[in-house]
Every structure is written in C-alpha cells, then in structure tokens.
Amino acid sequence: MKPGMVLLALACAGCGGGGSVVVENVAATPVAVTNSAPLVTRVVPPEPVAAVEPALTENELAVYPEARGMPADVQRYLVKRADCEHWAGEEPYDADRKAEIERNVAESCTGIDAQTAALRTRHANDSVVAGMLGELDPIGM
C-alpha cells in the first residue's frame, strides 16, 4: 500500500449493540485520504425482539397441556382446534341443539385445515412445533 492510503476494514467482533454498520461512499479499491467529503457511516439498530408471552394462562395450560411451551399462535390454534373437534363430535338431539352445534362448528372449524398448513409453514424450522403439528390429521374444514 502506498503512503497516505487507508485500507478500510470492518469487523463485527466487539462492535457492541448488535447493530449493523452501513458504510456509504466507499470505493472498492483503497483511495487516498483527502480533505474532501468525509466517509459517512450510520449504525442500523437491530430489529426489536418482542417478548414471547404465552397466549394461555396456567389454568388454561392445565386443560390444554399439549400447548405448553408452544408459541402463542400455536397455543391459540390448539384451543380453537380442540373446540372444533368437540363441537364436530356433538349429537344434535333436537333442532335447538343442532343450531347450536352448527353455529359453534362454523365458528371454530372454518379454515382450521388452512390454519394448520400455515402454522406448519411458519414453524417449519422449529422441530418441536413442526413435529407436533405434523401429527395432526386434517379435519376437513
């Protein structure tokens, strides 16, 4: 390297804060340092990480133990699926009961298979969640 030349090297080790450094106005080859426009850098902060909180209370997790340790969206899905399976298996012994069952099946079962597929895709990289979702049979709704 010639005298007066600066080699720009960025290293992530020890940069702290976890942010990325974006360097603008940098040539691909070393350039002479002059009194012209200064090199502009800006630190891009890391994406905020939302606190993961369970969707269910401890009492609800006692009723739905398979949801324990699962992400909140999967916990809500498991409750909805359990409701769907419950109402789909009920007997319509009279017209009022039949209407109640149909209303609850429509509420809890509509789109449940599509939701299963979406959750499988979303959590494909989590072997525990993907394994649990992979064991579920389609309901047909």
Protein backbone atom coordinates (compact mmCIF):
# COMPACT_ATOMS: atom_id res chain seq x y z
CA MET A 1 0.00 0.00 0.00
CA LYS A 2 1.29 3.47 -0.88
CA PRO A 3 1.89 6.01 1.88
CA GLY A 4 -1.20 8.09 2.56
CA MET A 5 -3.57 5.29 1.58
CA VAL A 6 -6.11 3.93 4.02
CA LEU A 7 -7.45 0.42 3.96
CA LEU A 8 -10.97 0.29 5.29
CA ALA A 9 -11.81 -2.88 7.17
CA LEU A 10 -14.91 -3.50 9.20
CA ALA A 11 -15.09 -6.23 11.76
CA CYS A 12 -18.18 -7.19 13.67
CA ALA A 13 -16.32 -8.55 16.66
CA GLY A 14 -16.62 -6.18 19.54
CA CYS A 15 -18.79 -3.65 17.72
CA GLY A 16 -21.36 -3.91 20.54
CA GLY A 17 -25.07 -3.25 20.40
CA GLY A 18 -25.66 -5.90 17.80
CA GLY A 19 -26.31 -3.28 15.09
CA SER A 20 -25.02 -3.48 11.55
CA VAL A 21 -22.67 -0.82 10.21
CA VAL A 22 -23.61 0.56 6.81
CA VAL A 23 -20.77 2.34 5.02
CA GLU A 24 -21.61 4.75 2.24
CA ASN A 25 -19.32 6.40 -0.36
CA VAL A 26 -16.72 3.64 -0.16
CA ALA A 27 -14.73 2.69 -3.24
CA ALA A 28 -13.92 -0.95 -3.96
CA THR A 29 -10.21 -0.15 -4.01
CA PRO A 30 -8.16 1.81 -1.47
CA VAL A 31 -8.29 5.57 -2.02
CA ALA A 32 -6.11 8.42 -0.85
CA VAL A 33 -7.32 10.24 2.23
CA THR A 34 -8.10 13.84 1.35
CA ASN A 35 -9.91 16.72 2.92
CA SER A 36 -12.94 16.10 0.71
CA ALA A 37 -16.30 14.83 1.94
CA PRO A 38 -15.91 12.63 4.99
CA LEU A 39 -16.80 8.99 4.95
CA VAL A 40 -20.37 8.66 6.18
CA THR A 41 -21.35 5.77 8.41
CA ARG A 42 -24.56 5.07 10.18
CA VAL A 43 -25.40 2.37 12.66
CA VAL A 44 -28.55 0.42 11.92
CA PRO A 45 -30.06 -0.78 15.20
CA PRO A 46 -31.10 -4.43 15.41
CA GLU A 47 -34.73 -5.31 14.87
CA PRO A 48 -36.62 -5.17 18.16
CA VAL A 49 -37.41 -8.57 19.57
CA ALA A 50 -40.88 -8.81 21.02
CA ALA A 51 -41.17 -10.62 24.30
CA VAL A 52 -42.71 -14.01 23.72
CA GLU A 53 -45.54 -14.49 26.13
CA PRO A 54 -47.84 -17.48 26.22
CA ALA A 55 -51.35 -16.93 24.92
CA LEU A 56 -52.78 -19.16 27.64
CA THR A 57 -52.85 -18.81 31.40
CA GLU A 58 -51.52 -21.53 33.69
CA ASN A 59 -55.09 -22.72 34.29
CA GLU A 60 -55.72 -22.97 30.54
CA LEU A 61 -52.42 -24.79 30.04
CA ALA A 62 -53.61 -27.34 32.61
CA VAL A 63 -56.62 -28.00 30.35
CA TYR A 64 -54.51 -27.97 27.16
CA PRO A 65 -51.16 -29.46 28.25
CA GLU A 66 -50.07 -30.03 24.64
CA ALA A 67 -49.91 -26.22 24.27
CA ARG A 68 -47.28 -25.77 26.99
CA GLY A 69 -44.04 -24.44 25.54
CA MET A 70 -45.59 -23.75 22.16
CA PRO A 71 -45.57 -20.29 20.54
CA ALA A 72 -48.64 -18.14 21.29
CA ASP A 73 -50.13 -18.56 17.80
CA VAL A 74 -49.90 -22.34 18.11
CA GLN A 75 -51.43 -22.23 21.60
CA ARG A 76 -54.44 -20.27 20.30
CA TYR A 77 -54.74 -22.67 17.36
CA LEU A 78 -54.73 -25.73 19.64
CA VAL A 79 -57.59 -24.28 21.71
CA LYS A 80 -59.56 -23.50 18.54
CA ARG A 81 -58.89 -26.98 17.16
CA ALA A 82 -60.00 -28.62 20.42
CA ASP A 83 -63.23 -26.59 20.28
CA CYS A 84 -63.74 -27.66 16.67
CA GLU A 85 -63.21 -31.33 17.48
CA HIS A 86 -65.57 -31.05 20.46
CA TRP A 87 -68.43 -29.45 18.53
CA ALA A 88 -67.95 -31.62 15.45
CA GLY A 89 -68.48 -34.70 17.64
CA GLU A 90 -71.64 -33.49 19.40
CA GLU A 91 -75.03 -35.10 18.79
CA PRO A 92 -77.89 -32.88 17.55
CA TYR A 93 -80.70 -34.38 19.62
CA ASP A 94 -83.14 -31.58 18.75
CA ALA A 95 -83.42 -28.54 16.47
CA ASP A 96 -82.06 -26.07 19.03
CA ARG A 97 -79.07 -28.27 19.79
CA LYS A 98 -78.44 -28.77 16.07
CA ALA A 99 -78.42 -24.99 15.53
CA GLU A 100 -76.04 -24.52 18.48
CA ILE A 101 -73.68 -27.18 17.13
CA GLU A 102 -73.74 -25.74 13.61
CA ARG A 103 -73.03 -22.23 14.92
CA ASN A 104 -70.08 -23.43 17.03
CA VAL A 105 -68.69 -25.67 14.29
CA ALA A 106 -68.79 -22.73 11.87
CA GLU A 107 -67.01 -20.53 14.42
CA SER A 108 -64.30 -22.95 15.49
CA CYS A 109 -63.78 -25.17 12.43
CA THR A 110 -63.96 -22.87 9.42
CA GLY A 111 -60.49 -22.62 7.89
CA ILE A 112 -58.88 -24.85 10.51
CA ASP A 113 -57.05 -27.02 7.94
CA ALA A 114 -55.69 -23.93 6.16
CA GLN A 115 -54.56 -22.59 9.53
CA THR A 116 -52.81 -25.91 10.22
CA ALA A 117 -50.95 -25.64 6.91
CA ALA A 118 -49.99 -22.01 7.57
CA LEU A 119 -48.63 -22.85 11.02
CA ARG A 120 -46.66 -25.79 9.61
CA THR A 121 -45.03 -23.44 7.12
CA ARG A 122 -44.41 -20.67 9.67
CA HIS A 123 -42.84 -23.05 12.21
CA ALA A 124 -41.10 -25.43 9.79
CA ASN A 125 -37.68 -24.63 11.31
CA ASP A 126 -38.79 -25.46 14.86
CA SER A 127 -38.60 -29.25 15.10
CA VAL A 128 -40.72 -29.49 18.25
CA VAL A 129 -43.57 -27.36 16.89
CA ALA A 130 -43.33 -28.83 13.39
CA GLY A 131 -43.37 -32.36 14.83
CA MET A 132 -46.47 -31.69 16.92
CA LEU A 133 -48.29 -30.01 14.02
CA GLY A 134 -47.23 -32.82 11.69
CA GLU A 135 -49.08 -35.36 13.83
CA LEU A 136 -52.44 -33.60 13.37
CA ASP A 137 -54.85 -35.07 10.84
CA PRO A 138 -56.92 -32.80 8.61
CA ILE A 139 -60.40 -32.10 9.96
CA GLY A 140 -61.86 -31.40 6.54
CA MET A 141 -62.85 -27.78 7.07
